[in-house]
Amino acid sequence: MSGLILYEVVIIVAPEIRADYLVWLHAHMDKMLTFDGFDAAEVFVNSEDENEITCHYRLRGIAAMQAYLAGPAREMRADGVNRFGDKMSATRRILRIQQNPFLRATKT
């Protein structure tokens, strides 16, 4: 199966580390974009809870996602845990982007 992949990571940070975490996160995302198949990354902050941060990574296909999970994922995840310990937690989802043109809305 091919197609674009959205890798979503939702992070909850303790208020006292939020600023440091965001600085670290931008460098972390830059490194993620060096991996084969990672094409874009965005950060979102929950408008109702600024300590909830969501990262979206766009990948060229499931093969790139599988290669990441089989290779650098453990080291990349451990870096955040080693730096911030139990002051942060993360959940992850892997979503396949629907390619049906009738299900995509665009502004004209």
PDB file of N, CA and C in Angstrom:
ATOM      1  N   MET A   1       0.845  -1.175   0.000  1.00  0.00           N
ATOM      2  CA  MET A   1       0.000   0.000   0.000  1.00  0.00           C
ATOM      3  C   MET A   1       0.887   1.234   0.000  1.00  0.00           C
ATOM      4  N   SER A   2       0.592   2.178  -0.861  1.00  0.00           N
ATOM      5  CA  SER A   2       1.377   3.405  -0.902  1.00  0.00           C
ATOM      6  C   SER A   2       0.486   4.571  -0.533  1.00  0.00           C
ATOM      7  N   GLY A   3       0.978   5.755  -0.721  1.00  0.00           N
ATOM      8  CA  GLY A   3       0.204   6.938  -0.385  1.00  0.00           C
ATOM      9  C   GLY A   3       0.860   7.711   0.731  1.00  0.00           C
ATOM     10  N   LEU A   4       0.411   8.929   0.878  1.00  0.00           N
ATOM     11  CA  LEU A   4       0.983   9.803   1.890  1.00  0.00           C
ATOM     12  C   LEU A   4       0.584   9.366   3.285  1.00  0.00           C
ATOM     13  N   ILE A   5       1.494   9.580   4.215  1.00  0.00           N
ATOM     14  CA  ILE A   5       1.288   9.213   5.610  1.00  0.00           C
ATOM     15  C   ILE A   5       1.404  10.463   6.468  1.00  0.00           C
ATOM     16  N   LEU A   6       0.521  10.566   7.447  1.00  0.00           N
ATOM     17  CA  LEU A   6       0.622  11.600   8.465  1.00  0.00           C
ATOM     18  C   LEU A   6       0.982  10.901   9.771  1.00  0.00           C
ATOM     19  N   TYR A   7       2.131  11.249  10.305  1.00  0.00           N
ATOM     20  CA  TYR A   7       2.577  10.715  11.590  1.00  0.00           C
ATOM     21  C   TYR A   7       2.306  11.803  12.616  1.00  0.00           C
ATOM     22  N   GLU A   8       1.398  11.516  13.541  1.00  0.00           N
ATOM     23  CA  GLU A   8       0.970  12.500  14.531  1.00  0.00           C
ATOM     24  C   GLU A   8       1.512  12.115  15.903  1.00  0.00           C
ATOM     25  N   VAL A   9       2.132  13.089  16.559  1.00  0.00           N
ATOM     26  CA  VAL A   9       2.641  12.889  17.913  1.00  0.00           C
ATOM     27  C   VAL A   9       2.028  13.972  18.794  1.00  0.00           C
ATOM     28  N   VAL A  10       1.303  13.540  19.831  1.00  0.00           N
ATOM     29  CA  VAL A  10       0.687  14.474  20.774  1.00  0.00           C
ATOM     30  C   VAL A  10       1.476  14.393  22.070  1.00  0.00           C
ATOM     31  N   ILE A  11       1.994  15.534  22.497  1.00  0.00           N
ATOM     32  CA  ILE A  11       2.857  15.613  23.668  1.00  0.00           C
ATOM     33  C   ILE A  11       2.176  16.469  24.730  1.00  0.00           C
ATOM     34  N   ILE A  12       2.210  15.995  25.950  1.00  0.00           N
ATOM     35  CA  ILE A  12       1.757  16.774  27.096  1.00  0.00           C
ATOM     36  C   ILE A  12       3.001  17.104  27.911  1.00  0.00           C
ATOM     37  N   VAL A  13       3.229  18.399  28.125  1.00  0.00           N
ATOM     38  CA  VAL A  13       4.413  18.818  28.876  1.00  0.00           C
ATOM     39  C   VAL A  13       3.998  19.521  30.160  1.00  0.00           C
ATOM     40  N   ALA A  14       4.837  19.383  31.179  1.00  0.00           N
ATOM     41  CA  ALA A  14       4.622  20.125  32.414  1.00  0.00           C
ATOM     42  C   ALA A  14       4.877  21.600  32.136  1.00  0.00           C
ATOM     43  N   PRO A  15       4.100  22.492  32.727  1.00  0.00           N
ATOM     44  CA  PRO A  15       4.257  23.925  32.447  1.00  0.00           C
ATOM     45  C   PRO A  15       5.683  24.438  32.643  1.00  0.00           C
ATOM     46  N   GLU A  16       6.386  23.921  33.628  1.00  0.00           N
ATOM     47  CA  GLU A  16       7.732  24.437  33.916  1.00  0.00           C
ATOM     48  C   GLU A  16       8.778  24.056  32.867  1.00  0.00           C
ATOM     49  N   ILE A  17       8.490  23.103  31.998  1.00  0.00           N
ATOM     50  CA  ILE A  17       9.463  22.749  30.953  1.00  0.00           C
ATOM     51  C   ILE A  17       9.010  23.178  29.566  1.00  0.00           C
ATOM     52  N   ARG A  18       7.825  23.753  29.452  1.00  0.00           N
ATOM     53  CA  ARG A  18       7.239  24.054  28.143  1.00  0.00           C
ATOM     54  C   ARG A  18       8.187  24.844  27.240  1.00  0.00           C
ATOM     55  N   ALA A  19       8.736  25.930  27.724  1.00  0.00           N
ATOM     56  CA  ALA A  19       9.610  26.770  26.889  1.00  0.00           C
ATOM     57  C   ALA A  19      10.843  25.992  26.432  1.00  0.00           C
ATOM     58  N   ASP A  20      11.497  25.291  27.340  1.00  0.00           N
ATOM     59  CA  ASP A  20      12.677  24.494  26.974  1.00  0.00           C
ATOM     60  C   ASP A  20      12.302  23.377  26.016  1.00  0.00           C
ATOM     61  N   TYR A  21      11.151  22.774  26.235  1.00  0.00           N
ATOM     62  CA  TYR A  21      10.715  21.686  25.364  1.00  0.00           C
ATOM     63  C   TYR A  21      10.513  22.189  23.937  1.00  0.00           C
ATOM     64  N   LEU A  22       9.882  23.343  23.779  1.00  0.00           N
ATOM     65  CA  LEU A  22       9.649  23.879  22.438  1.00  0.00           C
ATOM     66  C   LEU A  22      10.949  24.192  21.712  1.00  0.00           C
ATOM     67  N   VAL A  23      11.943  24.699  22.433  1.00  0.00           N
ATOM     68  CA  VAL A  23      13.255  24.950  21.814  1.00  0.00           C
ATOM     69  C   VAL A  23      13.841  23.632  21.332  1.00  0.00           C
ATOM     70  N   TRP A  24      13.831  22.626  22.215  1.00  0.00           N
ATOM     71  CA  TRP A  24      14.354  21.304  21.854  1.00  0.00           C
ATOM     72  C   TRP A  24      13.560  20.709  20.692  1.00  0.00           C
ATOM     73  N   LEU A  25      12.236  20.870  20.723  1.00  0.00           N
ATOM     74  CA  LEU A  25      11.375  20.259  19.719  1.00  0.00           C
ATOM     75  C   LEU A  25      11.711  20.733  18.312  1.00  0.00           C
ATOM     76  N   HIS A  26      12.009  21.988  18.154  1.00  0.00           N
ATOM     77  CA  HIS A  26      12.308  22.481  16.804  1.00  0.00           C
ATOM     78  C   HIS A  26      13.577  21.843  16.249  1.00  0.00           C
ATOM     79  N   ALA A  27      14.592  21.670  17.072  1.00  0.00           N
ATOM     80  CA  ALA A  27      15.808  20.972  16.628  1.00  0.00           C
ATOM     81  C   ALA A  27      15.490  19.503  16.339  1.00  0.00           C
ATOM     82  N   HIS A  28      14.664  18.899  17.170  1.00  0.00           N
ATOM     83  CA  HIS A  28      14.249  17.499  16.987  1.00  0.00           C
ATOM     84  C   HIS A  28      13.530  17.331  15.644  1.00  0.00           C
ATOM     85  N   MET A  29      12.632  18.253  15.339  1.00  0.00           N
ATOM     86  CA  MET A  29      11.892  18.174  14.085  1.00  0.00           C
ATOM     87  C   MET A  29      12.816  18.354  12.885  1.00  0.00           C
ATOM     88  N   ASP A  30      13.788  19.246  13.000  1.00  0.00           N
ATOM     89  CA  ASP A  30      14.765  19.406  11.914  1.00  0.00           C
ATOM     90  C   ASP A  30      15.479  18.085  11.641  1.00  0.00           C
ATOM     91  N   LYS A  31      15.838  17.368  12.705  1.00  0.00           N
ATOM     92  CA  LYS A  31      16.507  16.073  12.529  1.00  0.00           C
ATOM     93  C   LYS A  31      15.554  15.057  11.906  1.00  0.00           C
ATOM     94  N   MET A  32      14.287  15.063  12.322  1.00  0.00           N
ATOM     95  CA  MET A  32      13.306  14.143  11.736  1.00  0.00           C
ATOM     96  C   MET A  32      13.223  14.334  10.219  1.00  0.00           C
ATOM     97  N   LEU A  33      13.315  15.571   9.780  1.00  0.00           N
ATOM     98  CA  LEU A  33      13.206  15.864   8.352  1.00  0.00           C
ATOM     99  C   LEU A  33      14.416  15.411   7.553  1.00  0.00           C
ATOM    100  N   THR A  34      15.468  14.958   8.224  1.00  0.00           N
ATOM    101  CA  THR A  34      16.619  14.404   7.499  1.00  0.00           C
ATOM    102  C   THR A  34      16.409  12.940   7.133  1.00  0.00           C
ATOM    103  N   PHE A  35      15.410  12.288   7.729  1.00  0.00           N
ATOM    104  CA  PHE A  35      15.170  10.875   7.448  1.00  0.00           C
ATOM    105  C   PHE A  35      14.458  10.721   6.111  1.00  0.00           C
ATOM    106  N   ASP A  36      14.834   9.686   5.394  1.00  0.00           N
ATOM    107  CA  ASP A  36      14.275   9.427   4.078  1.00  0.00           C
ATOM    108  C   ASP A  36      12.753   9.318   4.147  1.00  0.00           C
ATOM    109  N   GLY A  37      12.088  10.055   3.290  1.00  0.00           N
ATOM    110  CA  GLY A  37      10.638   9.996   3.203  1.00  0.00           C
ATOM    111  C   GLY A  37       9.900  11.038   4.017  1.00  0.00           C
ATOM    112  N   PHE A  38      10.579  11.697   4.957  1.00  0.00           N
ATOM    113  CA  PHE A  38       9.948  12.756   5.747  1.00  0.00           C
ATOM    114  C   PHE A  38      10.021  14.054   4.947  1.00  0.00           C
ATOM    115  N   ASP A  39       8.858  14.585   4.573  1.00  0.00           N
ATOM    116  CA  ASP A  39       8.824  15.755   3.698  1.00  0.00           C
ATOM    117  C   ASP A  39       8.442  17.056   4.378  1.00  0.00           C
ATOM    118  N   ALA A  40       7.686  17.003   5.473  1.00  0.00           N
ATOM    119  CA  ALA A  40       7.222  18.234   6.116  1.00  0.00           C
ATOM    120  C   ALA A  40       6.910  17.958   7.570  1.00  0.00           C
ATOM    121  N   ALA A  41       6.971  19.029   8.365  1.00  0.00           N
ATOM    122  CA  ALA A  41       6.642  18.922   9.791  1.00  0.00           C
ATOM    123  C   ALA A  41       5.995  20.222  10.237  1.00  0.00           C
ATOM    124  N   GLU A  42       5.006  20.090  11.119  1.00  0.00           N
ATOM    125  CA  GLU A  42       4.306  21.251  11.669  1.00  0.00           C
ATOM    126  C   GLU A  42       4.066  21.024  13.154  1.00  0.00           C
ATOM    127  N   VAL A  43       4.003  22.128  13.891  1.00  0.00           N
ATOM    128  CA  VAL A  43       3.699  22.081  15.322  1.00  0.00           C
ATOM    129  C   VAL A  43       2.414  22.855  15.564  1.00  0.00           C
ATOM    130  N   PHE A  44       1.554  22.274  16.373  1.00  0.00           N
ATOM    131  CA  PHE A  44       0.302  22.909  16.774  1.00  0.00           C
ATOM    132  C   PHE A  44       0.240  22.917  18.293  1.00  0.00           C
ATOM    133  N   VAL A  45      -0.310  23.986  18.845  1.00  0.00           N
ATOM    134  CA  VAL A  45      -0.522  24.065  20.288  1.00  0.00           C
ATOM    135  C   VAL A  45      -2.025  24.139  20.511  1.00  0.00           C
ATOM    136  N   ASN A  46      -2.515  23.326  21.412  1.00  0.00           N
ATOM    137  CA  ASN A  46      -3.931  23.301  21.741  1.00  0.00           C
ATOM    138  C   ASN A  46      -4.340  24.682  22.258  1.00  0.00           C
ATOM    139  N   SER A  47      -5.346  25.272  21.641  1.00  0.00           N
ATOM    140  CA  SER A  47      -5.761  26.613  22.033  1.00  0.00           C
ATOM    141  C   SER A  47      -6.388  26.654  23.419  1.00  0.00           C
ATOM    142  N   GLU A  48      -6.812  25.510  23.933  1.00  0.00           N
ATOM    143  CA  GLU A  48      -7.411  25.459  25.261  1.00  0.00           C
ATOM    144  C   GLU A  48      -6.437  24.990  26.342  1.00  0.00           C
ATOM    145  N   ASP A  49      -5.298  24.421  25.922  1.00  0.00           N
ATOM    146  CA  ASP A  49      -4.292  23.925  26.859  1.00  0.00           C
ATOM    147  C   ASP A  49      -2.923  24.026  26.206  1.00  0.00           C
ATOM    148  N   GLU A  50      -2.209  25.095  26.473  1.00  0.00           N
ATOM    149  CA  GLU A  50      -0.938  25.335  25.792  1.00  0.00           C
ATOM    150  C   GLU A  50       0.144  24.316  26.145  1.00  0.00           C
ATOM    151  N   ASN A  51      -0.116  23.437  27.096  1.00  0.00           N
ATOM    152  CA  ASN A  51       0.837  22.386  27.434  1.00  0.00           C
ATOM    153  C   ASN A  51       0.603  21.117  26.623  1.00  0.00           C
ATOM    154  N   GLU A  52      -0.383  21.144  25.730  1.00  0.00           N
ATOM    155  CA  GLU A  52      -0.607  20.048  24.794  1.00  0.00           C
ATOM    156  C   GLU A  52      -0.108  20.486  23.421  1.00  0.00           C
ATOM    157  N   ILE A  53       0.893  19.801  22.942  1.00  0.00           N
ATOM    158  CA  ILE A  53       1.566  20.150  21.693  1.00  0.00           C
ATOM    159  C   ILE A  53       1.399  18.976  20.728  1.00  0.00           C
ATOM    160  N   THR A  54       1.000  19.271  19.501  1.00  0.00           N
ATOM    161  CA  THR A  54       0.842  18.227  18.498  1.00  0.00           C
ATOM    162  C   THR A  54       1.799  18.490  17.347  1.00  0.00           C
ATOM    163  N   CYS A  55       2.518  17.445  16.955  1.00  0.00           N
ATOM    164  CA  CYS A  55       3.423  17.516  15.805  1.00  0.00           C
ATOM    165  C   CYS A  55       2.852  16.641  14.693  1.00  0.00           C
ATOM    166  N   HIS A  56       2.858  17.174  13.487  1.00  0.00           N
ATOM    167  CA  HIS A  56       2.465  16.406  12.312  1.00  0.00           C
ATOM    168  C   HIS A  56       3.673  16.306  11.398  1.00  0.00           C
ATOM    169  N   TYR A  57       3.973  15.084  10.999  1.00  0.00           N
ATOM    170  CA  TYR A  57       5.027  14.822  10.024  1.00  0.00           C
ATOM    171  C   TYR A  57       4.371  14.189   8.805  1.00  0.00           C
ATOM    172  N   ARG A  58       4.681  14.697   7.626  1.00  0.00           N
ATOM    173  CA  ARG A  58       4.174  14.103   6.388  1.00  0.00           C
ATOM    174  C   ARG A  58       5.278  13.260   5.770  1.00  0.00           C
ATOM    175  N   LEU A  59       4.912  12.032   5.453  1.00  0.00           N
ATOM    176  CA  LEU A  59       5.847  11.094   4.854  1.00  0.00           C
ATOM    177  C   LEU A  59       5.337  10.651   3.492  1.00  0.00           C
ATOM    178  N   ARG A  60       6.267  10.248   2.624  1.00  0.00           N
ATOM    179  CA  ARG A  60       5.915   9.851   1.268  1.00  0.00           C
ATOM    180  C   ARG A  60       5.230   8.502   1.173  1.00  0.00           C
ATOM    181  N   GLY A  61       5.243   7.701   2.194  1.00  0.00           N
ATOM    182  CA  GLY A  61       4.574   6.406   2.126  1.00  0.00           C
ATOM    183  C   GLY A  61       4.837   5.575   3.359  1.00  0.00           C
ATOM    184  N   ILE A  62       4.137   4.457   3.424  1.00  0.00           N
ATOM    185  CA  ILE A  62       4.242   3.587   4.588  1.00  0.00           C
ATOM    186  C   ILE A  62       5.637   2.966   4.694  1.00  0.00           C
ATOM    187  N   ALA A  63       6.308   2.762   3.573  1.00  0.00           N
ATOM    188  CA  ALA A  63       7.663   2.202   3.624  1.00  0.00           C
ATOM    189  C   ALA A  63       8.608   3.130   4.384  1.00  0.00           C
ATOM    190  N   ALA A  64       8.466   4.432   4.180  1.00  0.00           N
ATOM    191  CA  ALA A  64       9.289   5.401   4.916  1.00  0.00           C
ATOM    192  C   ALA A  64       8.953   5.349   6.404  1.00  0.00           C
ATOM    193  N   MET A  65       7.678   5.203   6.732  1.00  0.00           N
ATOM    194  CA  MET A  65       7.276   5.122   8.140  1.00  0.00           C
ATOM    195  C   MET A  65       7.832   3.864   8.779  1.00  0.00           C
ATOM    196  N   GLN A  66       7.741   2.746   8.076  1.00  0.00           N
ATOM    197  CA  GLN A  66       8.256   1.482   8.596  1.00  0.00           C
ATOM    198  C   GLN A  66       9.768   1.538   8.785  1.00  0.00           C
ATOM    199  N   ALA A  67      10.465   2.179   7.845  1.00  0.00           N
ATOM    200  CA  ALA A  67      11.919   2.312   7.967  1.00  0.00           C
ATOM    201  C   ALA A  67      12.283   3.156   9.187  1.00  0.00           C
ATOM    202  N   TYR A  68      11.532   4.216   9.424  1.00  0.00           N
ATOM    203  CA  TYR A  68      11.771   5.043  10.610  1.00  0.00           C
ATOM    204  C   TYR A  68      11.543   4.234  11.880  1.00  0.00           C
ATOM    205  N   LEU A  69      10.428   3.519  11.949  1.00  0.00           N
ATOM    206  CA  LEU A  69      10.106   2.744  13.148  1.00  0.00           C
ATOM    207  C   LEU A  69      11.128   1.632  13.399  1.00  0.00           C
ATOM    208  N   ALA A  70      11.644   1.029  12.332  1.00  0.00           N
ATOM    209  CA  ALA A  70      12.628  -0.047  12.464  1.00  0.00           C
ATOM    210  C   ALA A  70      14.028   0.479  12.747  1.00  0.00           C
ATOM    211  N   GLY A  71      14.263   1.764  12.461  1.00  0.00           N
ATOM    212  CA  GLY A  71      15.599   2.325  12.610  1.00  0.00           C
ATOM    213  C   GLY A  71      15.694   3.370  13.699  1.00  0.00           C
ATOM    214  N   PRO A  72      15.625   4.645  13.335  1.00  0.00           N
ATOM    215  CA  PRO A  72      15.934   5.716  14.290  1.00  0.00           C
ATOM    216  C   PRO A  72      14.863   6.059  15.314  1.00  0.00           C
ATOM    217  N   ALA A  73      13.670   5.478  15.235  1.00  0.00           N
ATOM    218  CA  ALA A  73      12.578   5.867  16.132  1.00  0.00           C
ATOM    219  C   ALA A  73      12.950   5.725  17.603  1.00  0.00           C
ATOM    220  N   ARG A  74      13.543   4.623  17.969  1.00  0.00           N
ATOM    221  CA  ARG A  74      13.866   4.388  19.385  1.00  0.00           C
ATOM    222  C   ARG A  74      14.813   5.477  19.919  1.00  0.00           C
ATOM    223  N   GLU A  75      15.834   5.802  19.154  1.00  0.00           N
ATOM    224  CA  GLU A  75      16.793   6.833  19.582  1.00  0.00           C
ATOM    225  C   GLU A  75      16.135   8.214  19.642  1.00  0.00           C
ATOM    226  N   MET A  76      15.304   8.516  18.661  1.00  0.00           N
ATOM    227  CA  MET A  76      14.655   9.827  18.633  1.00  0.00           C
ATOM    228  C   MET A  76      13.691   9.980  19.812  1.00  0.00           C
ATOM    229  N   ARG A  77      12.958   8.943  20.122  1.00  0.00           N
ATOM    230  CA  ARG A  77      12.028   8.991  21.250  1.00  0.00           C
ATOM    231  C   ARG A  77      12.788   9.082  22.574  1.00  0.00           C
ATOM    232  N   ALA A  78      13.860   8.323  22.683  1.00  0.00           N
ATOM    233  CA  ALA A  78      14.634   8.295  23.926  1.00  0.00           C
ATOM    234  C   ALA A  78      15.257   9.652  24.223  1.00  0.00           C
ATOM    235  N   ASP A  79      15.612  10.407  23.190  1.00  0.00           N
ATOM    236  CA  ASP A  79      16.229  11.715  23.410  1.00  0.00           C
ATOM    237  C   ASP A  79      15.314  12.618  24.229  1.00  0.00           C
ATOM    238  N   GLY A  80      14.034  12.674  23.877  1.00  0.00           N
ATOM    239  CA  GLY A  80      13.082  13.496  24.625  1.00  0.00           C
ATOM    240  C   GLY A  80      12.891  12.995  26.045  1.00  0.00           C
ATOM    241  N   VAL A  81      12.766  11.688  26.209  1.00  0.00           N
ATOM    242  CA  VAL A  81      12.572  11.109  27.541  1.00  0.00           C
ATOM    243  C   VAL A  81      13.799  11.353  28.408  1.00  0.00           C
ATOM    244  N   ASN A  82      14.990  11.188  27.832  1.00  0.00           N
ATOM    245  CA  ASN A  82      16.228  11.410  28.597  1.00  0.00           C
ATOM    246  C   ASN A  82      16.363  12.856  29.045  1.00  0.00           C
ATOM    247  N   ARG A  83      15.921  13.790  28.228  1.00  0.00           N
ATOM    248  CA  ARG A  83      16.028  15.214  28.572  1.00  0.00           C
ATOM    249  C   ARG A  83      14.956  15.682  29.546  1.00  0.00           C
ATOM    250  N   PHE A  84      13.731  15.168  29.369  1.00  0.00           N
ATOM    251  CA  PHE A  84      12.604  15.729  30.115  1.00  0.00           C
ATOM    252  C   PHE A  84      11.933  14.744  31.073  1.00  0.00           C
ATOM    253  N   GLY A  85      12.303  13.482  31.005  1.00  0.00           N
ATOM    254  CA  GLY A  85      11.809  12.478  31.943  1.00  0.00           C
ATOM    255  C   GLY A  85      10.304  12.432  32.032  1.00  0.00           C
ATOM    256  N   ASP A  86       9.809  12.361  33.256  1.00  0.00           N
ATOM    257  CA  ASP A  86       8.364  12.231  33.451  1.00  0.00           C
ATOM    258  C   ASP A  86       7.631  13.572  33.408  1.00  0.00           C
ATOM    259  N   LYS A  87       8.328  14.617  32.968  1.00  0.00           N
ATOM    260  CA  LYS A  87       7.686  15.932  32.815  1.00  0.00           C
ATOM    261  C   LYS A  87       7.010  16.059  31.450  1.00  0.00           C
ATOM    262  N   MET A  88       7.062  14.984  30.665  1.00  0.00           N
ATOM    263  CA  MET A  88       6.380  14.967  29.374  1.00  0.00           C
ATOM    264  C   MET A  88       5.913  13.555  29.075  1.00  0.00           C
ATOM    265  N   SER A  89       4.884  13.466  28.252  1.00  0.00           N
ATOM    266  CA  SER A  89       4.416  12.168  27.758  1.00  0.00           C
ATOM    267  C   SER A  89       3.971  12.354  26.316  1.00  0.00           C
ATOM    268  N   ALA A  90       4.024  11.272  25.547  1.00  0.00           N
ATOM    269  CA  ALA A  90       3.670  11.366  24.129  1.00  0.00           C
ATOM    270  C   ALA A  90       2.830  10.165  23.709  1.00  0.00           C
ATOM    271  N   THR A  91       1.880  10.439  22.832  1.00  0.00           N
ATOM    272  CA  THR A  91       1.125   9.381  22.161  1.00  0.00           C
ATOM    273  C   THR A  91       1.280   9.604  20.666  1.00  0.00           C
ATOM    274  N   ARG A  92       1.171   8.523  19.917  1.00  0.00           N
ATOM    275  CA  ARG A  92       1.436   8.609  18.482  1.00  0.00           C
ATOM    276  C   ARG A  92       0.361   7.889  17.687  1.00  0.00           C
ATOM    277  N   ARG A  93       0.116   8.416  16.474  1.00  0.00           N
ATOM    278  CA  ARG A  93      -0.778   7.760  15.523  1.00  0.00           C
ATOM    279  C   ARG A  93      -0.155   7.843  14.143  1.00  0.00           C
ATOM    280  N   ILE A  94      -0.422   6.827  13.340  1.00  0.00           N
ATOM    281  CA  ILE A  94       0.013   6.802  11.949  1.00  0.00           C
ATOM    282  C   ILE A  94      -1.255   6.780  11.103  1.00  0.00           C
ATOM    283  N   LEU A  95      -1.431   7.806  10.299  1.00  0.00           N
ATOM    284  CA  LEU A  95      -2.642   7.958   9.497  1.00  0.00           C
ATOM    285  C   LEU A  95      -2.296   7.960   8.016  1.00  0.00           C
ATOM    286  N   ARG A  96      -3.079   7.248   7.228  1.00  0.00           N
ATOM    287  CA  ARG A  96      -2.910   7.267   5.778  1.00  0.00           C
ATOM    288  C   ARG A  96      -3.799   8.382   5.245  1.00  0.00           C
ATOM    289  N   ILE A  97      -3.237   9.261   4.452  1.00  0.00           N
ATOM    290  CA  ILE A  97      -3.998  10.384   3.912  1.00  0.00           C
ATOM    291  C   ILE A  97      -4.897   9.890   2.786  1.00  0.00           C
ATOM    292  N   GLN A  98      -6.184  10.172   2.892  1.00  0.00           N
ATOM    293  CA  GLN A  98      -7.167   9.738   1.903  1.00  0.00           C
ATOM    294  C   GLN A  98      -6.927  10.484   0.595  1.00  0.00           C
ATOM    295  N   GLN A  99      -6.808   9.751  -0.490  1.00  0.00           N
ATOM    296  CA  GLN A  99      -6.489  10.347  -1.782  1.00  0.00           C
ATOM    297  C   GLN A  99      -7.713  10.612  -2.662  1.00  0.00           C
ATOM    298  N   ASN A 100      -8.909  10.274  -2.218  1.00  0.00           N
ATOM    299  CA  ASN A 100     -10.119  10.487  -2.995  1.00  0.00           C
ATOM    300  C   ASN A 100     -10.344  11.994  -3.162  1.00  0.00           C
ATOM    301  N   PRO A 101     -10.316  12.505  -4.398  1.00  0.00           N
ATOM    302  CA  PRO A 101     -10.450  13.958  -4.598  1.00  0.00           C
ATOM    303  C   PRO A 101     -11.792  14.507  -4.146  1.00  0.00           C
ATOM    304  N   PHE A 102     -12.812  13.647  -4.020  1.00  0.00           N
ATOM    305  CA  PHE A 102     -14.117  14.116  -3.589  1.00  0.00           C
ATOM    306  C   PHE A 102     -14.173  14.343  -2.080  1.00  0.00           C
ATOM    307  N   LEU A 103     -13.181  13.855  -1.366  1.00  0.00           N
ATOM    308  CA  LEU A 103     -13.164  14.007   0.092  1.00  0.00           C
ATOM    309  C   LEU A 103     -12.224  15.121   0.544  1.00  0.00           C
ATOM    310  N   ARG A 104     -11.640  15.824  -0.390  1.00  0.00           N
ATOM    311  CA  ARG A 104     -10.732  16.902  -0.044  1.00  0.00           C
ATOM    312  C   ARG A 104     -11.403  18.242  -0.296  1.00  0.00           C
ATOM    313  N   ALA A 105     -11.378  19.086   0.677  1.00  0.00           N
ATOM    314  CA  ALA A 105     -11.960  20.411   0.508  1.00  0.00           C
ATOM    315  C   ALA A 105     -10.838  21.411   0.255  1.00  0.00           C
ATOM    316  N   THR A 106     -11.063  22.292  -0.684  1.00  0.00           N
ATOM    317  CA  THR A 106     -10.104  23.356  -0.967  1.00  0.00           C
ATOM    318  C   THR A 106     -10.843  24.671  -1.060  1.00  0.00           C
ATOM    319  N   LYS A 107     -10.168  25.709  -0.709  1.00  0.00           N
ATOM    320  CA  LYS A 107     -10.763  27.037  -0.803  1.00  0.00           C
ATOM    321  C   LYS A 107     -10.484  27.590  -2.189  1.00  0.00           C
ATOM    322  N   THR A 108     -11.490  28.122  -2.827  1.00  0.00           N
ATOM    323  CA  THR A 108     -11.287  28.669  -4.180  1.00  0.00           C
ATOM    324  C   THR A 108     -11.280  30.154  -4.169  1.00  0.00           C
TER     325      THR A 108
END
